[in-house]
PDB file of N, CA and C in Angstrom:
ATOM      1  N   UNK A   1      88.713 101.205  53.037  1.00  0.00           N
ATOM      2  CA  UNK A   1      88.146 102.490  53.178  1.00  0.00           C
ATOM      3  C   UNK A   1      89.095 103.484  52.505  1.00  0.00           C
ATOM      4  N   UNK A   2      88.431 104.431  51.845  1.00  0.00           N
ATOM      5  CA  UNK A   2      89.304 105.310  51.023  1.00  0.00           C
ATOM      6  C   UNK A   2      90.018 106.332  51.964  1.00  0.00           C
ATOM      7  N   UNK A   3      89.286 106.738  53.058  1.00  0.00           N
ATOM      8  CA  UNK A   3      89.905 107.755  53.948  1.00  0.00           C
ATOM      9  C   UNK A   3      91.108 107.148  54.675  1.00  0.00           C
ATOM     10  N   UNK A   4      91.077 105.845  55.002  1.00  0.00           N
ATOM     11  CA  UNK A   4      92.219 105.168  55.604  1.00  0.00           C
ATOM     12  C   UNK A   4      93.426 105.223  54.677  1.00  0.00           C
ATOM     13  N   UNK A   5      93.199 104.904  53.465  1.00  0.00           N
ATOM     14  CA  UNK A   5      94.250 104.981  52.456  1.00  0.00           C
ATOM     15  C   UNK A   5      94.787 106.337  52.301  1.00  0.00           C
ATOM     16  N   UNK A   6      93.962 107.347  52.376  1.00  0.00           N
ATOM     17  CA  UNK A   6      94.473 108.690  52.179  1.00  0.00           C
ATOM     18  C   UNK A   6      95.314 109.143  53.460  1.00  0.00           C
ATOM     19  N   UNK A   7      94.840 108.713  54.632  1.00  0.00           N
ATOM     20  CA  UNK A   7      95.583 109.017  55.775  1.00  0.00           C
ATOM     21  C   UNK A   7      96.903 108.256  55.846  1.00  0.00           C
ATOM     22  N   UNK A   8      96.932 107.019  55.421  1.00  0.00           N
ATOM     23  CA  UNK A   8      98.144 106.221  55.243  1.00  0.00           C
ATOM     24  C   UNK A   8      99.171 106.960  54.351  1.00  0.00           C
ATOM     25  N   UNK A   9      98.532 107.527  53.261  1.00  0.00           N
ATOM     26  CA  UNK A   9      99.461 108.118  52.198  1.00  0.00           C
ATOM     27  C   UNK A   9     100.059 109.422  52.741  1.00  0.00           C
ATOM     28  N   UNK A  10      99.287 110.108  53.681  1.00  0.00           N
ATOM     29  CA  UNK A  10      99.777 111.382  54.155  1.00  0.00           C
ATOM     30  C   UNK A  10     100.730 111.257  55.328  1.00  0.00           C
ATOM     31  N   UNK A  11     100.822 110.091  55.958  1.00  0.00           N
ATOM     32  CA  UNK A  11     101.621 109.991  57.225  1.00  0.00           C
ATOM     33  C   UNK A  11     103.122 110.229  56.861  1.00  0.00           C
ATOM     34  N   UNK A  12     103.825 110.836  57.803  1.00  0.00           N
ATOM     35  CA  UNK A  12     105.286 110.977  57.701  1.00  0.00           C
ATOM     36  C   UNK A  12     105.882 110.007  58.644  1.00  0.00           C
ATOM     37  N   UNK A  13     106.860 109.206  58.081  1.00  0.00           N
ATOM     38  CA  UNK A  13     107.449 108.142  58.933  1.00  0.00           C
ATOM     39  C   UNK A  13     108.796 108.553  59.388  1.00  0.00           C
ATOM     40  N   UNK A  14     109.028 108.144  60.664  1.00  0.00           N
ATOM     41  CA  UNK A  14     110.331 108.399  61.290  1.00  0.00           C
ATOM     42  C   UNK A  14     110.866 107.028  61.660  1.00  0.00           C
ATOM     43  N   UNK A  15     112.006 106.581  61.031  1.00  0.00           N
ATOM     44  CA  UNK A  15     112.589 105.312  61.200  1.00  0.00           C
ATOM     45  C   UNK A  15     113.979 105.419  61.706  1.00  0.00           C
ATOM     46  N   UNK A  16     114.360 104.584  62.591  1.00  0.00           N
ATOM     47  CA  UNK A  16     115.715 104.409  63.078  1.00  0.00           C
ATOM     48  C   UNK A  16     116.275 103.057  62.765  1.00  0.00           C
ATOM     49  N   UNK A  17     117.301 102.975  62.101  1.00  0.00           N
ATOM     50  CA  UNK A  17     117.944 101.647  61.774  1.00  0.00           C
ATOM     51  C   UNK A  17     119.285 101.533  62.582  1.00  0.00           C
ATOM     52  N   UNK A  18     119.335 100.584  63.436  1.00  0.00           N
ATOM     53  CA  UNK A  18     120.598 100.341  64.187  1.00  0.00           C
ATOM     54  C   UNK A  18     121.351  99.275  63.452  1.00  0.00           C
ATOM     55  N   UNK A  19     122.587  99.554  63.231  1.00  0.00           N
ATOM     56  CA  UNK A  19     123.534  98.621  62.519  1.00  0.00           C
ATOM     57  C   UNK A  19     124.749  98.434  63.306  1.00  0.00           C
ATOM     58  N   UNK A  20     125.577  97.430  62.897  1.00  0.00           N
ATOM     59  CA  UNK A  20     126.896  97.160  63.517  1.00  0.00           C
ATOM     60  C   UNK A  20     128.003  97.325  62.397  1.00  0.00           C
ATOM     61  N   UNK A  21     128.340  98.483  62.224  1.00  0.00           N
ATOM     62  CA  UNK A  21     129.434  98.798  61.201  1.00  0.00           C
ATOM     63  C   UNK A  21     129.002  98.410  59.733  1.00  0.00           C
ATOM     64  N   UNK A  22     130.007  97.938  59.013  1.00  0.00           N
ATOM     65  CA  UNK A  22     129.777  97.560  57.633  1.00  0.00           C
ATOM     66  C   UNK A  22     129.636  96.056  57.378  1.00  0.00           C
ATOM     67  N   UNK A  23     129.031  95.303  58.360  1.00  0.00           N
ATOM     68  CA  UNK A  23     128.859  93.937  58.185  1.00  0.00           C
ATOM     69  C   UNK A  23     127.877  93.642  57.106  1.00  0.00           C
ATOM     70  N   UNK A  24     127.925  92.469  56.482  1.00  0.00           N
ATOM     71  CA  UNK A  24     127.017  92.160  55.411  1.00  0.00           C
ATOM     72  C   UNK A  24     125.544  92.317  55.755  1.00  0.00           C
ATOM     73  N   UNK A  25     125.134  91.901  56.850  1.00  0.00           N
ATOM     74  CA  UNK A  25     123.706  91.999  57.299  1.00  0.00           C
ATOM     75  C   UNK A  25     123.358  93.504  57.536  1.00  0.00           C
ATOM     76  N   UNK A  26     124.253  94.304  58.085  1.00  0.00           N
ATOM     77  CA  UNK A  26     123.961  95.663  58.174  1.00  0.00           C
ATOM     78  C   UNK A  26     123.894  96.408  56.854  1.00  0.00           C
ATOM     79  N   UNK A  27     124.746  96.054  55.938  1.00  0.00           N
ATOM     80  CA  UNK A  27     124.776  96.623  54.563  1.00  0.00           C
ATOM     81  C   UNK A  27     123.428  96.331  53.829  1.00  0.00           C
ATOM     82  N   UNK A  28     123.100  95.048  53.905  1.00  0.00           N
ATOM     83  CA  UNK A  28     121.805  94.623  53.293  1.00  0.00           C
ATOM     84  C   UNK A  28     120.600  95.305  53.820  1.00  0.00           C
ATOM     85  N   UNK A  29     120.563  95.446  55.158  1.00  0.00           N
ATOM     86  CA  UNK A  29     119.494  96.184  55.867  1.00  0.00           C
ATOM     87  C   UNK A  29     119.391  97.624  55.424  1.00  0.00           C
ATOM     88  N   UNK A  30     120.540  98.280  55.288  1.00  0.00           N
ATOM     89  CA  UNK A  30     120.496  99.716  54.810  1.00  0.00           C
ATOM     90  C   UNK A  30     119.960  99.740  53.328  1.00  0.00           C
ATOM     91  N   UNK A  31     120.470  98.917  52.498  1.00  0.00           N
ATOM     92  CA  UNK A  31     120.058  98.878  51.138  1.00  0.00           C
ATOM     93  C   UNK A  31     118.535  98.568  51.081  1.00  0.00           C
ATOM     94  N   UNK A  32     118.069  97.542  51.814  1.00  0.00           N
ATOM     95  CA  UNK A  32     116.677  97.153  51.743  1.00  0.00           C
ATOM     96  C   UNK A  32     115.719  98.203  52.236  1.00  0.00           C
ATOM     97  N   UNK A  33     116.049  98.900  53.418  1.00  0.00           N
ATOM     98  CA  UNK A  33     115.172  99.875  53.929  1.00  0.00           C
ATOM     99  C   UNK A  33     115.173 101.095  53.026  1.00  0.00           C
ATOM    100  N   UNK A  34     116.298 101.458  52.465  1.00  0.00           N
ATOM    101  CA  UNK A  34     116.301 102.636  51.545  1.00  0.00           C
ATOM    102  C   UNK A  34     115.498 102.408  50.283  1.00  0.00           C
ATOM    103  N   UNK A  35     115.579 101.197  49.753  1.00  0.00           N
ATOM    104  CA  UNK A  35     114.737 100.825  48.584  1.00  0.00           C
ATOM    105  C   UNK A  35     113.194 100.843  48.946  1.00  0.00           C
ATOM    106  N   UNK A  36     112.842 100.299  50.106  1.00  0.00           N
ATOM    107  CA  UNK A  36     111.466 100.248  50.519  1.00  0.00           C
ATOM    108  C   UNK A  36     110.905 101.630  50.690  1.00  0.00           C
ATOM    109  N   UNK A  37     111.713 102.537  51.333  1.00  0.00           N
ATOM    110  CA  UNK A  37     111.334 103.879  51.625  1.00  0.00           C
ATOM    111  C   UNK A  37     111.155 104.625  50.316  1.00  0.00           C
ATOM    112  N   UNK A  38     112.065 104.538  49.410  1.00  0.00           N
ATOM    113  CA  UNK A  38     112.005 105.226  48.133  1.00  0.00           C
ATOM    114  C   UNK A  38     110.816 104.863  47.393  1.00  0.00           C
ATOM    115  N   UNK A  39     110.459 103.517  47.426  1.00  0.00           N
ATOM    116  CA  UNK A  39     109.386 103.028  46.608  1.00  0.00           C
ATOM    117  C   UNK A  39     108.028 103.310  47.270  1.00  0.00           C
ATOM    118  N   UNK A  40     107.939 103.155  48.512  1.00  0.00           N
ATOM    119  CA  UNK A  40     106.609 103.279  49.123  1.00  0.00           C
ATOM    120  C   UNK A  40     106.387 104.588  49.980  1.00  0.00           C
ATOM    121  N   UNK A  41     107.437 105.267  50.378  1.00  0.00           N
ATOM    122  CA  UNK A  41     107.328 106.427  51.236  1.00  0.00           C
ATOM    123  C   UNK A  41     108.023 107.685  50.696  1.00  0.00           C
ATOM    124  N   UNK A  42     108.246 107.709  49.397  1.00  0.00           N
ATOM    125  CA  UNK A  42     108.991 108.834  48.831  1.00  0.00           C
ATOM    126  C   UNK A  42     108.603 110.193  49.329  1.00  0.00           C
ATOM    127  N   UNK A  43     109.585 110.951  49.807  1.00  0.00           N
ATOM    128  CA  UNK A  43     109.363 112.297  50.269  1.00  0.00           C
ATOM    129  C   UNK A  43     108.559 112.271  51.643  1.00  0.00           C
ATOM    130  N   UNK A  44     108.276 111.168  52.216  1.00  0.00           N
ATOM    131  CA  UNK A  44     107.449 111.258  53.410  1.00  0.00           C
ATOM    132  C   UNK A  44     108.131 110.392  54.556  1.00  0.00           C
ATOM    133  N   UNK A  45     109.439 110.420  54.548  1.00  0.00           N
ATOM    134  CA  UNK A  45     110.113 109.594  55.646  1.00  0.00           C
ATOM    135  C   UNK A  45     111.409 110.322  56.049  1.00  0.00           C
ATOM    136  N   UNK A  46     111.810 109.958  57.283  1.00  0.00           N
ATOM    137  CA  UNK A  46     113.033 110.415  57.869  1.00  0.00           C
ATOM    138  C   UNK A  46     113.677 109.127  58.350  1.00  0.00           C
ATOM    139  N   UNK A  47     114.900 108.782  57.745  1.00  0.00           N
ATOM    140  CA  UNK A  47     115.581 107.558  58.100  1.00  0.00           C
ATOM    141  C   UNK A  47     116.909 107.954  58.750  1.00  0.00           C
ATOM    142  N   UNK A  48     116.977 107.502  60.018  1.00  0.00           N
ATOM    143  CA  UNK A  48     118.277 107.754  60.722  1.00  0.00           C
ATOM    144  C   UNK A  48     119.031 106.343  60.902  1.00  0.00           C
ATOM    145  N   UNK A  49     120.226 106.332  60.343  1.00  0.00           N
ATOM    146  CA  UNK A  49     121.045 105.098  60.451  1.00  0.00           C
ATOM    147  C   UNK A  49     122.061 105.299  61.536  1.00  0.00           C
ATOM    148  N   UNK A  50     121.976 104.430  62.514  1.00  0.00           N
ATOM    149  CA  UNK A  50     122.798 104.564  63.758  1.00  0.00           C
ATOM    150  C   UNK A  50     123.698 103.334  63.919  1.00  0.00           C
ATOM    151  N   UNK A  51     125.026 103.540  63.835  1.00  0.00           N
ATOM    152  CA  UNK A  51     125.976 102.596  64.057  1.00  0.00           C
ATOM    153  C   UNK A  51     126.165 102.364  65.556  1.00  0.00           C
ATOM    154  N   UNK A  52     125.787 101.197  66.123  1.00  0.00           N
ATOM    155  CA  UNK A  52     125.875 101.035  67.596  1.00  0.00           C
ATOM    156  C   UNK A  52     127.333 101.102  68.134  1.00  0.00           C
ATOM    157  N   UNK A  53     128.285 100.895  67.265  1.00  0.00           N
ATOM    158  CA  UNK A  53     129.718 100.988  67.708  1.00  0.00           C
ATOM    159  C   UNK A  53     130.066 102.407  67.939  1.00  0.00           C
ATOM    160  N   UNK A  54     129.470 103.309  67.116  1.00  0.00           N
ATOM    161  CA  UNK A  54     129.829 104.749  67.093  1.00  0.00           C
ATOM    162  C   UNK A  54     128.980 105.554  68.184  1.00  0.00           C
ATOM    163  N   UNK A  55     127.703 105.003  68.320  1.00  0.00           N
ATOM    164  CA  UNK A  55     126.737 105.658  69.251  1.00  0.00           C
ATOM    165  C   UNK A  55     126.102 104.673  70.188  1.00  0.00           C
ATOM    166  N   UNK A  56     126.894 104.059  71.054  1.00  0.00           N
ATOM    167  CA  UNK A  56     126.318 103.009  71.869  1.00  0.00           C
ATOM    168  C   UNK A  56     125.237 103.589  72.894  1.00  0.00           C
ATOM    169  N   UNK A  57     125.346 104.952  73.274  1.00  0.00           N
ATOM    170  CA  UNK A  57     124.357 105.404  74.156  1.00  0.00           C
ATOM    171  C   UNK A  57     122.946 105.458  73.532  1.00  0.00           C
ATOM    172  N   UNK A  58     122.935 105.649  72.235  1.00  0.00           N
ATOM    173  CA  UNK A  58     121.501 105.604  71.558  1.00  0.00           C
ATOM    174  C   UNK A  58     120.959 104.237  71.526  1.00  0.00           C
ATOM    175  N   UNK A  59     121.841 103.231  71.239  1.00  0.00           N
ATOM    176  CA  UNK A  59     121.396 101.804  71.231  1.00  0.00           C
ATOM    177  C   UNK A  59     120.931 101.400  72.681  1.00  0.00           C
ATOM    178  N   UNK A  60     121.597 101.924  73.698  1.00  0.00           N
ATOM    179  CA  UNK A  60     121.196 101.612  75.061  1.00  0.00           C
ATOM    180  C   UNK A  60     119.768 102.274  75.406  1.00  0.00           C
ATOM    181  N   UNK A  61     119.675 103.494  74.979  1.00  0.00           N
ATOM    182  CA  UNK A  61     118.559 104.290  75.211  1.00  0.00           C
ATOM    183  C   UNK A  61     117.241 103.582  74.491  1.00  0.00           C
ATOM    184  N   UNK A  62     117.423 103.037  73.379  1.00  0.00           N
ATOM    185  CA  UNK A  62     116.376 102.298  72.656  1.00  0.00           C
ATOM    186  C   UNK A  62     116.308 100.871  72.926  1.00  0.00           C
ATOM    187  N   UNK A  63     117.173 100.369  73.888  1.00  0.00           N
ATOM    188  CA  UNK A  63     117.123  98.975  74.343  1.00  0.00           C
ATOM    189  C   UNK A  63     117.402  98.084  73.144  1.00  0.00           C
ATOM    190  N   UNK A  64     118.380  98.328  72.410  1.00  0.00           N
ATOM    191  CA  UNK A  64     118.746  97.454  71.242  1.00  0.00           C
ATOM    192  C   UNK A  64     119.548  96.200  71.756  1.00  0.00           C
ATOM    193  N   UNK A  65     119.043  95.087  71.447  1.00  0.00           N
ATOM    194  CA  UNK A  65     119.741  93.799  71.832  1.00  0.00           C
ATOM    195  C   UNK A  65     120.312  93.029  70.664  1.00  0.00           C
ATOM    196  N   UNK A  66     119.906  93.408  69.447  1.00  0.00           N
ATOM    197  CA  UNK A  66     120.386  92.719  68.284  1.00  0.00           C
ATOM    198  C   UNK A  66     120.512  93.769  67.144  1.00  0.00           C
ATOM    199  N   UNK A  67     121.352  93.499  66.209  1.00  0.00           N
ATOM    200  CA  UNK A  67     121.437  94.387  65.026  1.00  0.00           C
ATOM    201  C   UNK A  67     121.576  93.543  63.753  1.00  0.00           C
ATOM    202  N   UNK A  68     121.087  94.044  62.648  1.00  0.00           N
ATOM    203  CA  UNK A  68     120.321  95.251  62.494  1.00  0.00           C
ATOM    204  C   UNK A  68     118.951  95.200  63.073  1.00  0.00           C
ATOM    205  N   UNK A  69     118.517  96.351  63.642  1.00  0.00           N
ATOM    206  CA  UNK A  69     117.163  96.556  64.112  1.00  0.00           C
ATOM    207  C   UNK A  69     116.624  97.804  63.565  1.00  0.00           C
ATOM    208  N   UNK A  70     115.439  97.757  62.991  1.00  0.00           N
ATOM    209  CA  UNK A  70     114.640  98.869  62.521  1.00  0.00           C
ATOM    210  C   UNK A  70     113.600  99.211  63.543  1.00  0.00           C
ATOM    211  N   UNK A  71     113.477 100.472  63.903  1.00  0.00           N
ATOM    212  CA  UNK A  71     112.393 100.946  64.807  1.00  0.00           C
ATOM    213  C   UNK A  71     111.595 101.940  64.025  1.00  0.00           C
ATOM    214  N   UNK A  72     110.308 101.666  63.936  1.00  0.00           N
ATOM    215  CA  UNK A  72     109.369 102.667  63.422  1.00  0.00           C
ATOM    216  C   UNK A  72     108.889 103.517  64.561  1.00  0.00           C
ATOM    217  N   UNK A  73     109.320 104.797  64.608  1.00  0.00           N
ATOM    218  CA  UNK A  73     109.027 105.722  65.734  1.00  0.00           C
ATOM    219  C   UNK A  73     107.656 106.321  65.451  1.00  0.00           C
ATOM    220  N   UNK A  74     107.392 106.662  64.239  1.00  0.00           N
ATOM    221  CA  UNK A  74     106.215 107.435  63.835  1.00  0.00           C
ATOM    222  C   UNK A  74     105.772 106.946  62.447  1.00  0.00           C
ATOM    223  N   UNK A  75     104.512 106.814  62.267  1.00  0.00           N
ATOM    224  CA  UNK A  75     103.412 106.938  63.046  1.00  0.00           C
ATOM    225  C   UNK A  75     103.262 105.800  64.076  1.00  0.00           C
ATOM    226  N   UNK A  76     102.588 106.076  65.158  1.00  0.00           N
ATOM    227  CA  UNK A  76     102.426 105.085  66.165  1.00  0.00           C
ATOM    228  C   UNK A  76     101.412 104.041  65.635  1.00  0.00           C
ATOM    229  N   UNK A  77     101.397 102.843  66.054  1.00  0.00           N
ATOM    230  CA  UNK A  77     102.232 102.280  67.203  1.00  0.00           C
ATOM    231  C   UNK A  77     103.692 102.093  66.663  1.00  0.00           C
ATOM    232  N   UNK A  78     104.555 102.241  67.657  1.00  0.00           N
ATOM    233  CA  UNK A  78     106.027 101.977  67.345  1.00  0.00           C
ATOM    234  C   UNK A  78     106.167 100.431  67.066  1.00  0.00           C
ATOM    235  N   UNK A  79     107.090 100.082  66.184  1.00  0.00           N
ATOM    236  CA  UNK A  79     107.372  98.730  65.804  1.00  0.00           C
ATOM    237  C   UNK A  79     108.829  98.468  65.699  1.00  0.00           C
ATOM    238  N   UNK A  80     109.272  97.260  65.946  1.00  0.00           N
ATOM    239  CA  UNK A  80     110.644  96.859  65.873  1.00  0.00           C
ATOM    240  C   UNK A  80     110.747  95.712  64.942  1.00  0.00           C
ATOM    241  N   UNK A  81     111.700  95.654  64.110  1.00  0.00           N
ATOM    242  CA  UNK A  81     112.064  94.607  63.139  1.00  0.00           C
ATOM    243  C   UNK A  81     113.533  94.354  63.205  1.00  0.00           C
ATOM    244  N   UNK A  82     113.847  93.033  63.424  1.00  0.00           N
ATOM    245  CA  UNK A  82     115.304  92.659  63.589  1.00  0.00           C
ATOM    246  C   UNK A  82     115.648  91.855  62.267  1.00  0.00           C
ATOM    247  N   UNK A  83     116.778  92.127  61.744  1.00  0.00           N
ATOM    248  CA  UNK A  83     117.203  91.362  60.549  1.00  0.00           C
ATOM    249  C   UNK A  83     117.612  92.321  59.428  1.00  0.00           C
ATOM    250  N   UNK A  84     117.908  91.612  58.225  1.00  0.00           N
ATOM    251  CA  UNK A  84     118.410  92.415  57.140  1.00  0.00           C
ATOM    252  C   UNK A  84     117.260  93.098  56.288  1.00  0.00           C
ATOM    253  N   UNK A  85     116.043  92.897  56.755  1.00  0.00           N
ATOM    254  CA  UNK A  85     114.839  93.491  56.108  1.00  0.00           C
ATOM    255  C   UNK A  85     114.622  93.098  54.614  1.00  0.00           C
ATOM    256  N   UNK A  86     115.094  91.836  54.331  1.00  0.00           N
ATOM    257  CA  UNK A  86     114.966  91.384  52.954  1.00  0.00           C
ATOM    258  C   UNK A  86     113.613  90.867  52.655  1.00  0.00           C
ATOM    259  N   UNK A  87     112.711  90.563  53.580  1.00  0.00           N
ATOM    260  CA  UNK A  87     111.413  90.219  53.328  1.00  0.00           C
ATOM    261  C   UNK A  87     110.429  91.377  53.299  1.00  0.00           C
ATOM    262  N   UNK A  88     110.413  92.007  52.059  1.00  0.00           N
ATOM    263  CA  UNK A  88     109.846  93.270  51.913  1.00  0.00           C
ATOM    264  C   UNK A  88     108.371  93.314  52.337  1.00  0.00           C
ATOM    265  N   UNK A  89     107.664  92.229  51.998  1.00  0.00           N
ATOM    266  CA  UNK A  89     106.164  92.308  52.427  1.00  0.00           C
ATOM    267  C   UNK A  89     106.013  92.313  53.899  1.00  0.00           C
ATOM    268  N   UNK A  90     106.852  91.641  54.624  1.00  0.00           N
ATOM    269  CA  UNK A  90     106.809  91.649  56.139  1.00  0.00           C
ATOM    270  C   UNK A  90     107.193  93.036  56.634  1.00  0.00           C
ATOM    271  N   UNK A  91     108.167  93.699  56.075  1.00  0.00           N
ATOM    272  CA  UNK A  91     108.622  95.000  56.397  1.00  0.00           C
ATOM    273  C   UNK A  91     107.378  96.040  56.238  1.00  0.00           C
ATOM    274  N   UNK A  92     106.800  95.975  55.006  1.00  0.00           N
ATOM    275  CA  UNK A  92     105.694  96.769  54.682  1.00  0.00           C
ATOM    276  C   UNK A  92     104.515  96.640  55.678  1.00  0.00           C
ATOM    277  N   UNK A  93     104.201  95.421  55.999  1.00  0.00           N
ATOM    278  CA  UNK A  93     103.154  95.086  57.004  1.00  0.00           C
ATOM    279  C   UNK A  93     103.533  95.679  58.367  1.00  0.00           C
ATOM    280  N   UNK A  94     104.782  95.526  58.792  1.00  0.00           N
ATOM    281  CA  UNK A  94     105.167  96.092  60.136  1.00  0.00           C
ATOM    282  C   UNK A  94     105.171  97.567  60.135  1.00  0.00           C
ATOM    283  N   UNK A  95     105.382  98.229  58.940  1.00  0.00           N
ATOM    284  CA  UNK A  95     105.301  99.663  58.827  1.00  0.00           C
ATOM    285  C   UNK A  95     103.925 100.126  58.712  1.00  0.00           C
ATOM    286  N   UNK A  96     102.917  99.240  58.627  1.00  0.00           N
ATOM    287  CA  UNK A  96     101.521  99.641  58.482  1.00  0.00           C
ATOM    288  C   UNK A  96     101.211  99.947  57.048  1.00  0.00           C
ATOM    289  N   UNK A  97     101.981  99.520  56.112  1.00  0.00           N
ATOM    290  CA  UNK A  97     101.697  99.759  54.670  1.00  0.00           C
ATOM    291  C   UNK A  97     101.175  98.419  54.059  1.00  0.00           C
ATOM    292  N   UNK A  98     100.303  98.578  52.953  1.00  0.00           N
ATOM    293  CA  UNK A  98      99.841  97.466  52.279  1.00  0.00           C
ATOM    294  C   UNK A  98     100.846  96.958  51.356  1.00  0.00           C
ATOM    295  N   UNK A  99     101.186  95.679  51.377  1.00  0.00           N
ATOM    296  CA  UNK A  99     102.075  95.167  50.397  1.00  0.00           C
ATOM    297  C   UNK A  99     101.446  95.155  48.990  1.00  0.00           C
ATOM    298  N   UNK A 100     102.159  95.380  47.926  1.00  0.00           N
ATOM    299  CA  UNK A 100     101.517  95.441  46.573  1.00  0.00           C
ATOM    300  C   UNK A 100     100.972  94.034  46.212  1.00  0.00           C
ATOM    301  N   UNK A 101      99.891  93.956  45.460  1.00  0.00           N
ATOM    302  CA  UNK A 101      99.422  92.695  45.034  1.00  0.00           C
ATOM    303  C   UNK A 101     100.491  92.003  44.236  1.00  0.00           C
ATOM    304  N   UNK A 102     100.538  90.722  44.433  1.00  0.00           N
ATOM    305  CA  UNK A 102     101.560  89.968  43.707  1.00  0.00           C
ATOM    306  C   UNK A 102     101.169  88.454  43.695  1.00  0.00           C
ATOM    307  N   UNK A 103     102.029  87.632  43.150  1.00  0.00           N
ATOM    308  CA  UNK A 103     101.702  86.174  43.054  1.00  0.00           C
ATOM    309  C   UNK A 103     101.370  85.598  44.325  1.00  0.00           C
ATOM    310  N   UNK A 104     101.889  86.012  45.454  1.00  0.00           N
ATOM    311  CA  UNK A 104     101.512  85.408  46.744  1.00  0.00           C
ATOM    312  C   UNK A 104     100.064  85.674  47.182  1.00  0.00           C
ATOM    313  N   UNK A 105      99.547  86.795  46.658  1.00  0.00           N
ATOM    314  CA  UNK A 105      98.228  87.142  47.140  1.00  0.00           C
ATOM    315  C   UNK A 105      97.101  86.738  46.097  1.00  0.00           C
ATOM    316  N   UNK A 106      97.539  86.174  45.004  1.00  0.00           N
ATOM    317  CA  UNK A 106      96.586  85.699  43.952  1.00  0.00           C
ATOM    318  C   UNK A 106      96.170  84.196  44.217  1.00  0.00           C
ATOM    319  N   UNK A 107      94.903  83.957  44.221  1.00  0.00           N
ATOM    320  CA  UNK A 107      94.458  82.509  44.485  1.00  0.00           C
ATOM    321  C   UNK A 107      93.645  82.192  43.217  1.00  0.00           C
ATOM    322  N   UNK A 108      94.030  81.089  42.488  1.00  0.00           N
ATOM    323  CA  UNK A 108      93.253  80.647  41.406  1.00  0.00           C
ATOM    324  C   UNK A 108      92.550  79.353  41.722  1.00  0.00           C
TER     325      UNK A 108
END
């Protein structure tokens, strides 16, 4: 439906990424989510990167049990993803965005 696509395009995203310092997984997660946001949510997102070593109270408040963890706060429903966010299509689906058509979606 066209109106769904328009409303998806207009939504402002609020994302919190919990990391553990400069570990390889945390570094990859930061790079991956920044690339996804710039490609699919340009000028429509707020990304807060939280190091649980520096701000343990925020991690406790959001009940973080593993890192890296991405929390989509807005638009609802809230979603959580754990890992380095390297599987871009899964991240897009979790964010409520449609993955771009590609070789995986083509059936011959």
